[in-house]
Amino acid sequence: MVESVVDPKEMEMTETIDLAEQSGKLDRSQRIFRRSNLDKSSHSVIDLDGLPYVGQRINPNEPYCSIYDEVTSTATTTKLKGSEPVIVDYVAVDVKNKKNLQKVSFSFSL
């Protein structure tokens, strides 16, 4: 599940990605936040853990998150929607699942 909230007064956007909700009936441990080691094009914008660097500027249609499927050995990226560039203010992780990170929240400023 991807959830976005925009606060017009602050010009901030918060987005949450929950892999456990996205997976449905699939095993939750099959998909994790991680970037591909094969596709080097996203390495400058996505860290090894599959999340964006704090303080980084992201332009529309650029990737900011990578989700790796351990079964198929493929990674898919989540790209910024909209028409304005954003700055990554913070990345918050939900550490309830100590084995594999399943839920992340991002805060962007416009």
Protein backbone atom coordinates (compact mmCIF):
# COMPACT_ATOMS: atom_id res chain seq x y z
CA MET A 1 0.00 0.00 0.00
CA VAL A 2 1.26 3.46 -0.88
CA GLU A 3 -0.32 6.32 0.99
CA SER A 4 0.38 10.02 0.34
CA VAL A 5 -0.62 13.08 2.35
CA VAL A 6 0.12 16.67 1.29
CA ASP A 7 -0.05 19.56 3.77
CA PRO A 8 -0.67 22.71 1.68
CA LYS A 9 0.37 25.08 4.50
CA GLU A 10 3.75 23.49 5.02
CA MET A 11 4.34 22.40 1.42
CA GLU A 12 5.34 18.99 2.73
CA MET A 13 4.36 15.57 1.48
CA THR A 14 4.44 12.35 3.48
CA GLU A 15 4.31 8.95 1.86
CA THR A 16 4.14 5.49 3.44
CA ILE A 17 4.94 2.22 1.71
CA ASP A 18 3.84 -0.94 3.53
CA LEU A 19 5.05 -4.13 1.86
CA ALA A 20 3.01 -6.31 4.23
CA GLU A 21 -0.22 -4.71 2.99
CA GLN A 22 0.92 -4.85 -0.64
CA SER A 23 1.77 -8.53 -0.56
CA GLY A 24 -1.71 -9.76 0.30
CA LYS A 25 -1.62 -13.55 0.31
CA LEU A 26 2.05 -13.75 -0.66
CA ASP A 27 4.72 -14.49 1.91
CA ARG A 28 5.82 -11.15 3.40
CA SER A 29 9.49 -12.10 3.48
CA GLN A 30 9.65 -12.36 -0.33
CA ARG A 31 9.75 -8.58 -0.89
CA ILE A 32 12.16 -6.27 0.90
CA PHE A 33 13.49 -2.75 0.54
CA ARG A 34 16.79 -3.10 -1.32
CA ARG A 35 18.31 -1.73 -4.50
CA SER A 36 19.50 -3.87 -7.37
CA ASN A 37 23.22 -4.50 -7.60
CA LEU A 38 22.85 -5.09 -11.33
CA ASP A 39 21.13 -1.83 -12.29
CA LYS A 40 23.68 0.86 -11.45
CA SER A 41 21.50 3.71 -12.78
CA SER A 42 19.72 4.19 -9.45
CA HIS A 43 22.77 3.97 -7.18
CA SER A 44 23.21 7.76 -7.05
CA VAL A 45 19.64 8.29 -5.81
CA ILE A 46 18.86 5.10 -3.85
CA ASP A 47 21.00 3.72 -1.02
CA LEU A 48 21.89 0.04 -0.64
CA ASP A 49 18.88 -0.39 1.67
CA GLY A 50 16.55 0.64 -1.18
CA LEU A 51 15.68 4.01 0.36
CA PRO A 52 16.52 7.57 -0.73
CA TYR A 53 19.35 9.62 0.74
CA VAL A 54 18.15 12.28 3.22
CA GLY A 55 18.66 15.78 1.82
CA GLN A 56 18.56 14.55 -1.75
CA ARG A 57 16.61 16.38 -4.46
CA ILE A 58 14.26 14.13 -6.47
CA ASN A 59 12.76 15.29 -9.74
CA PRO A 60 9.42 14.09 -11.15
CA ASN A 61 9.56 10.56 -12.58
CA GLU A 62 12.88 9.81 -10.82
CA PRO A 63 13.12 6.74 -8.55
CA TYR A 64 13.33 7.22 -4.78
CA CYS A 65 12.66 3.71 -3.46
CA SER A 66 13.56 0.18 -4.56
CA ILE A 67 11.75 -3.03 -3.64
CA TYR A 68 13.55 -6.32 -4.22
CA ASP A 69 11.72 -9.61 -4.79
CA GLU A 70 13.82 -12.41 -3.31
CA VAL A 71 11.99 -15.10 -5.31
CA THR A 72 12.43 -13.58 -8.78
CA SER A 73 15.66 -11.69 -7.95
CA THR A 74 14.24 -8.52 -9.49
CA ALA A 75 13.99 -4.99 -8.15
CA THR A 76 11.27 -2.47 -8.96
CA THR A 77 11.54 1.23 -8.23
CA THR A 78 8.91 3.66 -7.01
CA LYS A 79 9.10 6.93 -8.93
CA LEU A 80 8.10 10.41 -7.82
CA LYS A 81 4.73 11.45 -9.20
CA GLY A 82 3.69 15.02 -9.81
CA SER A 83 5.29 17.96 -11.56
CA GLU A 84 7.44 19.50 -8.82
CA PRO A 85 10.85 18.38 -7.54
CA VAL A 86 11.09 17.54 -3.83
CA ILE A 87 13.77 17.28 -1.14
CA VAL A 88 13.88 14.20 1.12
CA ASP A 89 13.47 15.57 4.67
CA TYR A 90 13.51 12.26 6.51
CA VAL A 91 12.99 8.52 6.15
CA ALA A 92 11.31 6.70 9.05
CA VAL A 93 11.31 2.92 9.29
CA ASP A 94 8.93 0.69 11.23
CA VAL A 95 11.14 -1.80 13.05
CA LYS A 96 8.40 -4.11 14.36
CA ASN A 97 9.62 -6.80 11.98
CA LYS A 98 13.28 -7.18 12.96
CA LYS A 99 14.03 -9.68 10.20
CA ASN A 100 13.04 -7.67 7.11
CA LEU A 101 12.02 -4.04 6.89
CA GLN A 102 8.40 -3.95 5.71
CA LYS A 103 7.13 -0.40 6.31
CA VAL A 104 8.74 2.96 5.55
CA SER A 105 7.51 6.55 5.70
CA PHE A 106 9.09 9.38 3.73
CA SER A 107 8.73 13.12 4.25
CA PHE A 108 9.40 15.41 1.29
CA SER A 109 9.40 19.19 1.12
CA LEU A 110 8.30 20.89 -2.08
